Protein backbone atom coordinates (compact mmCIF):
# COMPACT_ATOMS: atom_id res chain seq x y z
CA MET A 1 -74.29 35.26 19.05
CA THR A 2 -77.78 33.85 18.36
CA GLN A 3 -79.34 30.87 20.13
CA ARG A 4 -79.06 28.75 16.99
CA GLU A 5 -75.35 29.56 16.69
CA TRP A 6 -74.80 28.41 20.28
CA LEU A 7 -76.56 25.12 19.65
CA GLU A 8 -74.78 24.53 16.33
CA ARG A 9 -71.39 25.13 17.92
CA ASP A 10 -69.41 21.94 18.58
CA PHE A 11 -67.36 22.30 21.76
CA TYR A 12 -65.81 18.87 21.22
CA ALA A 13 -64.48 19.93 17.82
CA ASP A 14 -63.16 23.16 19.38
CA LEU A 15 -60.96 21.05 21.68
CA GLY A 16 -60.23 18.35 19.07
CA VAL A 17 -61.67 15.49 21.15
CA PRO A 18 -64.41 12.93 20.42
CA SER A 19 -67.87 13.33 21.98
CA ASN A 20 -67.16 10.39 24.31
CA ALA A 21 -63.84 11.82 25.53
CA SER A 22 -62.99 11.32 29.20
CA VAL A 23 -62.49 14.20 31.63
CA ASP A 24 -58.72 13.63 31.52
CA GLN A 25 -58.70 13.74 27.71
CA ILE A 26 -60.63 17.01 27.76
CA LYS A 27 -58.26 18.57 30.32
CA LYS A 28 -55.14 17.44 28.43
CA ALA A 29 -56.50 18.78 25.13
CA TYR A 30 -57.35 22.13 26.73
CA ARG A 31 -53.98 22.51 28.43
CA ARG A 32 -52.14 21.71 25.20
CA LEU A 33 -54.17 24.26 23.23
CA ALA A 34 -54.03 26.86 26.00
CA ARG A 35 -50.24 26.74 26.10
CA THR A 36 -50.07 27.18 22.31
CA LEU A 37 -52.73 29.89 22.02
CA HIS A 38 -52.16 31.90 25.21
CA PRO A 39 -51.82 35.66 24.55
CA ASP A 40 -48.39 35.64 26.19
CA ALA A 41 -47.16 33.17 23.56
CA ASN A 42 -48.85 35.04 20.69
CA PRO A 43 -48.51 38.79 21.30
CA HIS A 44 -50.39 40.99 18.82
CA ASP A 45 -52.13 37.96 17.24
CA PRO A 46 -55.93 38.52 17.42
CA ARG A 47 -56.66 35.17 15.75
CA ALA A 48 -54.79 33.27 18.46
CA GLU A 49 -56.54 35.32 21.15
CA ASP A 50 -59.98 34.55 19.67
CA ARG A 51 -59.09 30.86 19.41
CA PHE A 52 -57.87 30.92 23.05
CA LYS A 53 -61.25 32.30 24.13
CA THR A 54 -63.04 29.65 22.07
CA VAL A 55 -61.20 26.71 23.64
CA SER A 56 -61.59 28.26 27.11
CA GLU A 57 -65.37 28.46 26.66
CA ALA A 58 -65.49 24.89 25.38
CA HIS A 59 -63.44 23.65 28.35
CA ALA A 60 -65.67 25.52 30.83
CA VAL A 61 -68.69 23.52 29.63
CA LEU A 62 -67.15 20.11 28.91
CA SER A 63 -65.08 19.95 32.12
CA ASP A 64 -68.22 20.38 34.24
CA PRO A 65 -70.21 17.08 34.33
CA VAL A 66 -73.58 18.82 34.82
CA LYS A 67 -73.02 21.46 32.14
CA ARG A 68 -71.68 18.84 29.75
CA LYS A 69 -74.75 16.63 30.20
CA ASP A 70 -77.10 19.56 29.65
CA TYR A 71 -75.10 20.68 26.60
CA ASP A 72 -75.31 17.20 25.06
CA GLU A 73 -79.07 17.07 25.72
CA ALA A 74 -79.58 20.56 24.26
CA ARG A 75 -77.79 19.54 21.05
CA ARG A 76 -79.81 16.33 20.93
CA LEU A 77 -83.01 18.35 21.22
CA PHE A 78 -81.85 20.69 18.49
CA ALA A 79 -80.97 17.83 16.17
CA SER A 80 -84.39 16.23 16.74
CA GLY A 81 -86.24 19.38 15.68
CA ALA A 82 -87.23 20.49 19.18
CA PHE A 83 -86.22 24.06 18.25
CA ASP A 84 -87.37 26.30 15.46
CA ARG A 85 -87.54 30.03 15.00
CA THR A 86 -90.17 30.30 17.74
CA GLY A 87 -87.97 28.55 20.28
CA PHE A 88 -88.45 25.32 22.31
CA HIS A 89 -91.39 23.01 21.62
CA PRO A 90 -92.98 21.95 24.94
CA GLY A 91 -93.11 18.16 25.17
CA ALA A 92 -90.45 17.64 22.52
CA GLY A 93 -88.26 15.92 25.09
CA ARG A 94 -90.70 13.02 25.27
CA ASP A 95 -89.65 11.91 21.82
CA THR A 96 -85.93 12.47 22.30
CA GLY A 97 -85.27 10.63 25.53
CA VAL A 98 -84.29 13.82 27.37
CA ARG A 99 -84.82 13.72 31.11
CA GLY A 100 -87.97 15.37 32.39
CA ASP A 101 -86.25 17.80 34.74
CA PHE A 102 -83.90 19.18 32.07
CA ASP A 103 -83.43 22.94 32.53
CA PHE A 104 -81.55 24.97 29.98
CA GLY A 105 -80.91 27.53 32.69
CA ASP A 106 -78.39 25.11 34.20
CA LEU A 107 -76.21 25.53 31.13
CA PHE A 108 -77.11 28.86 29.53
CA GLY A 109 -78.90 30.71 32.35
CA ARG A 110 -78.53 34.38 33.08
CA GLY A 111 -75.15 35.26 34.52
CA SER A 112 -73.45 32.38 32.75
CA SER A 113 -70.46 32.98 30.50
CA PHE A 114 -72.51 31.40 27.75
CA THR A 115 -75.56 33.67 27.53
CA THR A 116 -76.85 34.51 24.06
CA THR A 117 -78.70 37.41 22.52
CA GLY A 118 -82.38 37.47 23.29
CA GLY A 119 -81.95 36.42 26.93
CA GLY A 120 -80.17 33.08 26.62
CA ILE A 121 -81.36 29.56 25.82
CA GLY A 122 -82.18 28.95 29.45
CA ASP A 123 -84.69 31.82 29.30
CA LEU A 124 -86.87 30.05 26.74
CA PHE A 125 -88.62 27.75 29.20
CA ASN A 126 -88.07 28.76 32.85
CA ARG A 127 -90.58 27.35 35.34
CA ASP A 128 -92.48 29.41 37.96
CA ARG A 129 -90.08 28.04 40.56
CA ASP A 130 -87.39 30.15 38.88
CA ARG A 131 -89.44 33.35 39.01
CA THR A 132 -86.69 35.27 40.78
CA ALA A 133 -83.79 33.71 38.82
CA GLY A 134 -83.29 36.83 36.71
CA THR A 135 -82.28 39.03 39.60
CA ARG A 136 -80.87 36.66 42.19
CA PRO A 137 -77.13 36.82 42.99
CA ARG A 138 -74.91 34.43 41.07
CA ARG A 139 -71.31 33.53 41.85
CA GLY A 140 -68.78 34.40 39.15
CA SER A 141 -67.28 31.68 36.98
CA ASP A 142 -63.86 30.23 37.70
CA VAL A 143 -60.98 31.03 35.33
CA GLU A 144 -58.05 28.79 34.38
CA SER A 145 -54.57 29.83 33.25
CA ASP A 146 -51.09 28.33 32.87
CA THR A 147 -47.53 29.31 33.72
CA ARG A 148 -44.13 27.71 33.00
CA LEU A 149 -41.34 27.69 35.57
CA PRO A 150 -37.67 26.64 35.49
CA PHE A 151 -37.06 23.60 37.67
CA ARG A 152 -35.01 25.47 40.28
CA ASP A 153 -37.64 28.20 40.69
CA ALA A 154 -40.24 25.48 41.25
CA VAL A 155 -38.03 23.93 43.92
CA ARG A 156 -37.34 27.15 45.82
CA GLY A 157 -40.67 28.89 45.24
CA VAL A 158 -41.09 32.16 43.38
CA VAL A 159 -43.49 35.03 42.70
CA VAL A 160 -44.36 35.24 38.99
CA PRO A 161 -46.34 37.91 37.11
CA LEU A 162 -49.24 36.35 35.22
CA ARG A 163 -51.31 38.00 32.49
CA VAL A 164 -54.94 36.90 32.62
CA SER A 165 -57.63 37.71 30.05
CA SER A 166 -61.17 37.20 31.39
CA ALA A 167 -64.57 38.81 31.76
CA SER A 168 -64.78 41.53 34.38
CA ALA A 169 -67.07 44.32 35.47
CA CYS A 170 -67.17 47.14 32.91
CA THR A 171 -64.77 49.84 34.07
CA GLU A 172 -66.94 52.62 32.61
CA CYS A 173 -70.26 51.77 34.31
CA HIS A 174 -68.85 49.58 37.12
CA GLY A 175 -71.11 46.71 36.10
CA SER A 176 -74.44 48.57 36.11
CA GLY A 177 -74.82 48.52 32.32
CA THR A 178 -76.07 52.11 32.29
CA THR A 179 -74.41 55.27 31.05
CA PRO A 180 -72.63 56.94 33.98
CA GLY A 181 -74.99 59.38 35.69
CA THR A 182 -78.12 57.39 34.80
CA THR A 183 -79.90 54.42 36.38
CA ALA A 184 -82.06 51.54 35.20
CA ARG A 185 -85.80 51.54 35.94
CA VAL A 186 -88.09 48.73 37.01
CA CYS A 187 -89.69 47.03 34.02
CA PRO A 188 -93.37 48.10 33.93
CA ARG A 189 -94.51 44.96 32.12
CA CYS A 190 -93.26 42.35 34.61
CA ASN A 191 -92.95 44.66 37.64
CA GLY A 192 -89.33 43.70 38.10
CA MET A 193 -89.93 39.94 38.19
CA GLY A 194 -88.19 39.27 34.86
CA LEU A 195 -90.85 36.70 33.90
CA VAL A 196 -94.38 36.85 32.52
CA SER A 197 -97.01 34.11 32.54
CA ARG A 198 -98.27 32.57 29.34
CA ASN A 199 -100.99 30.00 28.70
CA LEU A 200 -100.74 27.33 26.02
CA GLY A 201 -103.95 25.32 25.86
CA ALA A 202 -104.18 22.96 28.81
CA PHE A 203 -101.13 24.25 30.64
CA GLY A 204 -99.29 27.43 31.38
CA PHE A 205 -95.70 28.40 31.97
CA SER A 206 -93.53 31.40 32.58
CA GLU A 207 -91.24 32.93 30.01
CA PRO A 208 -88.77 35.81 30.05
CA CYS A 209 -90.20 39.25 29.73
CA ASN A 210 -89.42 40.55 26.24
CA ASP A 211 -89.22 44.17 27.39
CA CYS A 212 -86.41 43.61 29.90
CA ARG A 213 -85.03 40.30 28.56
CA GLY A 214 -85.68 38.64 31.89
CA THR A 215 -83.58 41.05 33.98
CA GLY A 216 -86.49 42.87 35.66
CA THR A 217 -85.07 46.28 34.74
CA VAL A 218 -85.01 48.46 31.64
CA ILE A 219 -81.93 50.44 30.65
CA ASP A 220 -82.90 53.48 28.61
CA THR A 221 -79.33 54.72 28.11
CA PRO A 222 -76.98 51.70 27.84
CA CYS A 223 -73.30 52.12 28.63
CA PRO A 224 -71.50 52.72 25.30
CA ASP A 225 -68.53 50.58 26.36
CA CYS A 226 -70.39 47.36 27.24
CA GLN A 227 -73.68 47.99 25.38
CA GLY A 228 -75.61 47.54 28.59
CA THR A 229 -74.24 44.14 29.59
CA GLY A 230 -72.21 45.47 32.51
CA VAL A 231 -69.41 43.11 31.56
CA GLY A 232 -66.23 43.67 29.57
CA ASN A 233 -63.06 41.78 28.74
CA ARG A 234 -59.97 42.81 30.64
CA THR A 235 -56.33 41.76 30.55
CA ARG A 236 -54.68 42.16 33.93
CA THR A 237 -51.40 41.20 35.55
CA LEU A 238 -51.41 39.30 38.83
CA ASN A 239 -48.46 38.39 41.03
CA VAL A 240 -48.83 34.67 41.75
CA ARG A 241 -46.90 33.22 44.69
CA VAL A 242 -45.74 29.71 43.77
CA PRO A 243 -44.88 27.71 46.92
CA PRO A 244 -41.56 25.84 47.21
CA GLY A 245 -41.61 22.28 45.91
CA VAL A 246 -44.52 22.74 43.48
CA ARG A 247 -44.99 19.73 41.19
CA ASP A 248 -45.43 19.68 37.43
CA GLY A 249 -49.14 19.95 36.62
CA GLN A 250 -50.09 21.18 40.12
CA ARG A 251 -52.85 23.80 40.27
CA ILE A 252 -52.70 26.90 42.47
CA ARG A 253 -56.00 28.46 43.55
CA LEU A 254 -56.36 32.23 43.86
CA PRO A 255 -59.72 32.90 45.57
CA GLY A 256 -61.82 35.73 44.17
CA GLN A 257 -59.63 36.34 41.12
CA GLY A 258 -62.02 34.78 38.59
CA GLU A 259 -64.97 36.38 36.80
CA PRO A 260 -67.08 38.86 38.82
CA GLY A 261 -70.33 37.70 40.43
CA LEU A 262 -73.77 39.10 39.62
CA GLY A 263 -76.07 40.85 42.04
CA GLY A 264 -73.43 41.27 44.70
CA ALA A 265 -72.38 37.60 44.65
CA PRO A 266 -68.68 36.81 45.12
CA ALA A 267 -66.29 36.49 42.21
CA GLY A 268 -65.08 33.10 41.01
CA ASP A 269 -61.60 31.74 41.57
CA LEU A 270 -58.51 31.65 39.38
CA TYR A 271 -56.74 28.30 38.97
CA VAL A 272 -53.15 28.41 37.69
CA SER A 273 -51.65 25.17 36.33
CA VAL A 274 -47.87 25.08 36.80
CA HIS A 275 -45.69 23.41 34.15
CA VAL A 276 -42.14 22.76 35.34
CA ILE A 277 -39.31 22.90 32.78
CA ALA A 278 -36.87 19.98 33.14
CA ASP A 279 -33.41 20.78 34.59
CA PRO A 280 -30.23 19.58 32.81
CA VAL A 281 -28.62 18.52 36.12
CA PHE A 282 -31.29 17.62 38.65
CA GLY A 283 -34.28 15.32 38.55
CA ARG A 284 -37.02 14.68 41.09
CA ASP A 285 -38.25 11.58 42.89
CA GLY A 286 -41.00 12.60 45.29
CA ASP A 287 -39.38 14.85 47.90
CA ASP A 288 -35.87 13.77 46.86
CA LEU A 289 -33.64 15.31 44.21
CA THR A 290 -31.59 13.08 41.92
CA VAL A 291 -28.29 13.73 40.18
CA THR A 292 -25.89 11.54 38.18
CA VAL A 293 -22.19 12.29 38.76
CA PRO A 294 -19.55 11.03 36.28
CA VAL A 295 -16.56 9.32 37.96
CA THR A 296 -13.45 7.43 36.81
CA PHE A 297 -12.71 3.75 37.34
CA GLY A 298 -9.78 4.71 39.55
CA GLU A 299 -12.01 6.78 41.85
CA LEU A 300 -14.33 3.82 42.35
CA ALA A 301 -11.54 1.26 42.73
CA LEU A 302 -9.22 3.27 44.99
CA GLY A 303 -11.78 5.51 46.70
CA ALA A 304 -11.95 9.32 46.47
CA THR A 305 -13.71 12.45 47.69
CA ILE A 306 -15.57 14.18 44.86
CA SER A 307 -17.49 17.45 44.52
CA VAL A 308 -21.25 17.03 44.12
CA PRO A 309 -23.64 19.83 42.99
CA THR A 310 -26.61 20.79 45.19
CA LEU A 311 -29.17 23.58 44.92
CA ASP A 312 -27.01 25.69 47.26
CA GLY A 313 -23.58 25.03 45.79
CA HIS A 314 -21.21 22.05 45.86
CA VAL A 315 -20.48 19.66 48.74
CA GLY A 316 -17.84 16.98 49.15
CA MET A 317 -18.87 13.30 49.05
CA LYS A 318 -16.63 10.36 49.94
CA ILE A 319 -16.57 7.32 47.65
CA PRO A 320 -15.30 4.19 49.45
CA ALA A 321 -12.67 2.01 47.72
CA GLY A 322 -14.20 -0.82 45.70
CA THR A 323 -17.48 0.97 45.02
CA ALA A 324 -19.54 -0.64 42.24
CA ALA A 325 -20.45 1.44 39.19
CA GLY A 326 -24.01 2.77 39.34
CA ARG A 327 -24.19 2.84 43.14
CA THR A 328 -26.48 5.53 44.59
CA PHE A 329 -25.42 7.60 47.60
CA ARG A 330 -27.80 9.60 49.82
CA ILE A 331 -26.99 13.09 51.13
CA ARG A 332 -29.52 13.96 53.81
CA GLY A 333 -31.48 17.21 53.76
CA ARG A 334 -30.32 18.38 50.32
CA GLY A 335 -33.50 17.56 48.43
CA MET A 336 -36.89 19.26 47.97
CA PRO A 337 -38.08 21.65 50.68
CA VAL A 338 -41.13 20.24 52.46
CA ARG A 339 -43.67 22.57 54.02
CA GLY A 340 -43.75 22.17 57.79
CA GLY A 341 -41.13 19.42 57.81
CA LYS A 342 -37.60 18.35 56.95
CA ALA A 343 -36.30 18.68 53.40
CA GLY A 344 -35.93 15.63 51.22
CA ASP A 345 -32.57 14.06 50.33
CA LEU A 346 -30.19 14.29 47.38
CA LEU A 347 -29.68 10.91 45.66
CA VAL A 348 -26.30 10.78 43.89
CA ARG A 349 -25.64 8.06 41.31
CA ALA A 350 -21.96 7.37 40.51
CA GLU A 351 -21.58 6.55 36.82
CA VAL A 352 -18.24 5.48 35.32
CA THR A 353 -17.07 7.56 32.37
CA VAL A 354 -14.58 6.00 29.91
CA PRO A 355 -12.11 8.36 28.18
CA PRO A 356 -12.74 8.39 24.43
CA LYS A 357 -9.00 8.31 23.67
CA LEU A 358 -5.79 7.52 25.62
CA ASP A 359 -2.28 8.77 24.96
CA SER A 360 0.55 6.23 24.72
CA SER A 361 1.67 6.45 28.36
CA ALA A 362 -1.88 6.06 29.71
CA ALA A 363 -2.56 3.14 27.34
CA GLU A 364 0.67 1.40 28.39
CA ALA A 365 -0.17 1.87 32.08
CA LEU A 366 -3.66 0.46 31.51
CA ARG A 367 -2.27 -2.61 29.73
CA ALA A 368 0.07 -3.20 32.67
CA TYR A 369 -2.86 -2.90 35.05
CA ALA A 370 -4.91 -5.33 32.97
CA GLN A 371 -2.12 -7.92 33.17
CA ALA A 372 -1.77 -7.44 36.93
CA GLU A 373 -5.54 -7.71 37.38
CA LYS A 374 -5.62 -10.94 35.35
CA ALA A 375 -2.84 -12.36 37.47
CA THR A 376 -4.98 -11.98 40.60
CA GLY A 377 -7.65 -14.22 39.08
CA PHE A 378 -10.32 -11.52 39.05
CA ASP A 379 -13.02 -12.20 36.42
CA PRO A 380 -15.93 -9.72 36.35
CA ARG A 381 -18.03 -12.21 34.33
CA ALA A 382 -17.47 -15.22 36.56
CA ARG A 383 -20.78 -17.00 37.30
CA TRP A 384 -22.54 -14.47 35.06
CA ALA A 385 -25.16 -15.59 32.53
CA GLY A 386 -24.61 -19.25 33.36
CA LYS A 387 -20.85 -19.12 32.81
CA ARG A 388 -18.85 -21.74 34.74
């Protein structure tokens, strides 16, 4: 991809958000698209996989405040004519309102996931203070992924296999970029510095060496698999341990499972967002589980012992006589497991269920009960809604 193509690309449009979108809007848009486009949800669909990579790259820039600011300024420079076929015009920022210390290397520097052909946008105008930037170690980028879990697995904890597609060291050359059996040589033009000095009238600056593209080394026989980049795309399966009691939307960090670092630097991390599928029986309220149990009027009026479901089977629960409909009972220690502490509770709501149809004997008995109830003077609507 050329430098112009990078600058003309609209990361906001890739995620379907406005240019003034908040961080939360950007994250929500990415998660929605990632769930839809993930390779696991679209097997054997190269278009979905390409689109997944596109939205992942857009999220990597826009979710980082520094990269996002530099990206916006780079596009503003491009729109103002600060770039042409020869590259960046020194001093163009004075007419565009771009900050004086703007450095394209912060966004598109070497080792970034967003490098371009020709050395990267950040290589167009590196200062002398960055003379060793081409060869210094650089930590690998973090990677984000998603997984969906049934409610009960999220409560108990589970180990799930997760397929992750991300950049990784080329398996053929092990990241060297050279054909196996060969090595790179020090660039004779820049003596391995990666930068050469250039004078423009009253001032001078350093620019990437054209012979080695700012790397400080020359590869005479590039690896055929990665074309000398040392990086390839790999789909791998990881076993992710989800702790008990994980919440919907919670992120799990796997250190060192992101993209590989450069120059011996450590790899980035993998962040897995967990999406919990709702359960038809149980709900959650903090560390407590909730359940609604249907009961009859007779069980509430006369009292009863009913069977209540829990995560580990059923338990008996006593309903006192005269219990009001909708009352919530608490069963201690039957809720969410809590790390290093006691489990939460199970909150049981008793909800009256009315039979849709009665046979003649049941209807006659209910009429007799209604007459007896009326004779006692009981009025459920007495003093209700201003009634006297």
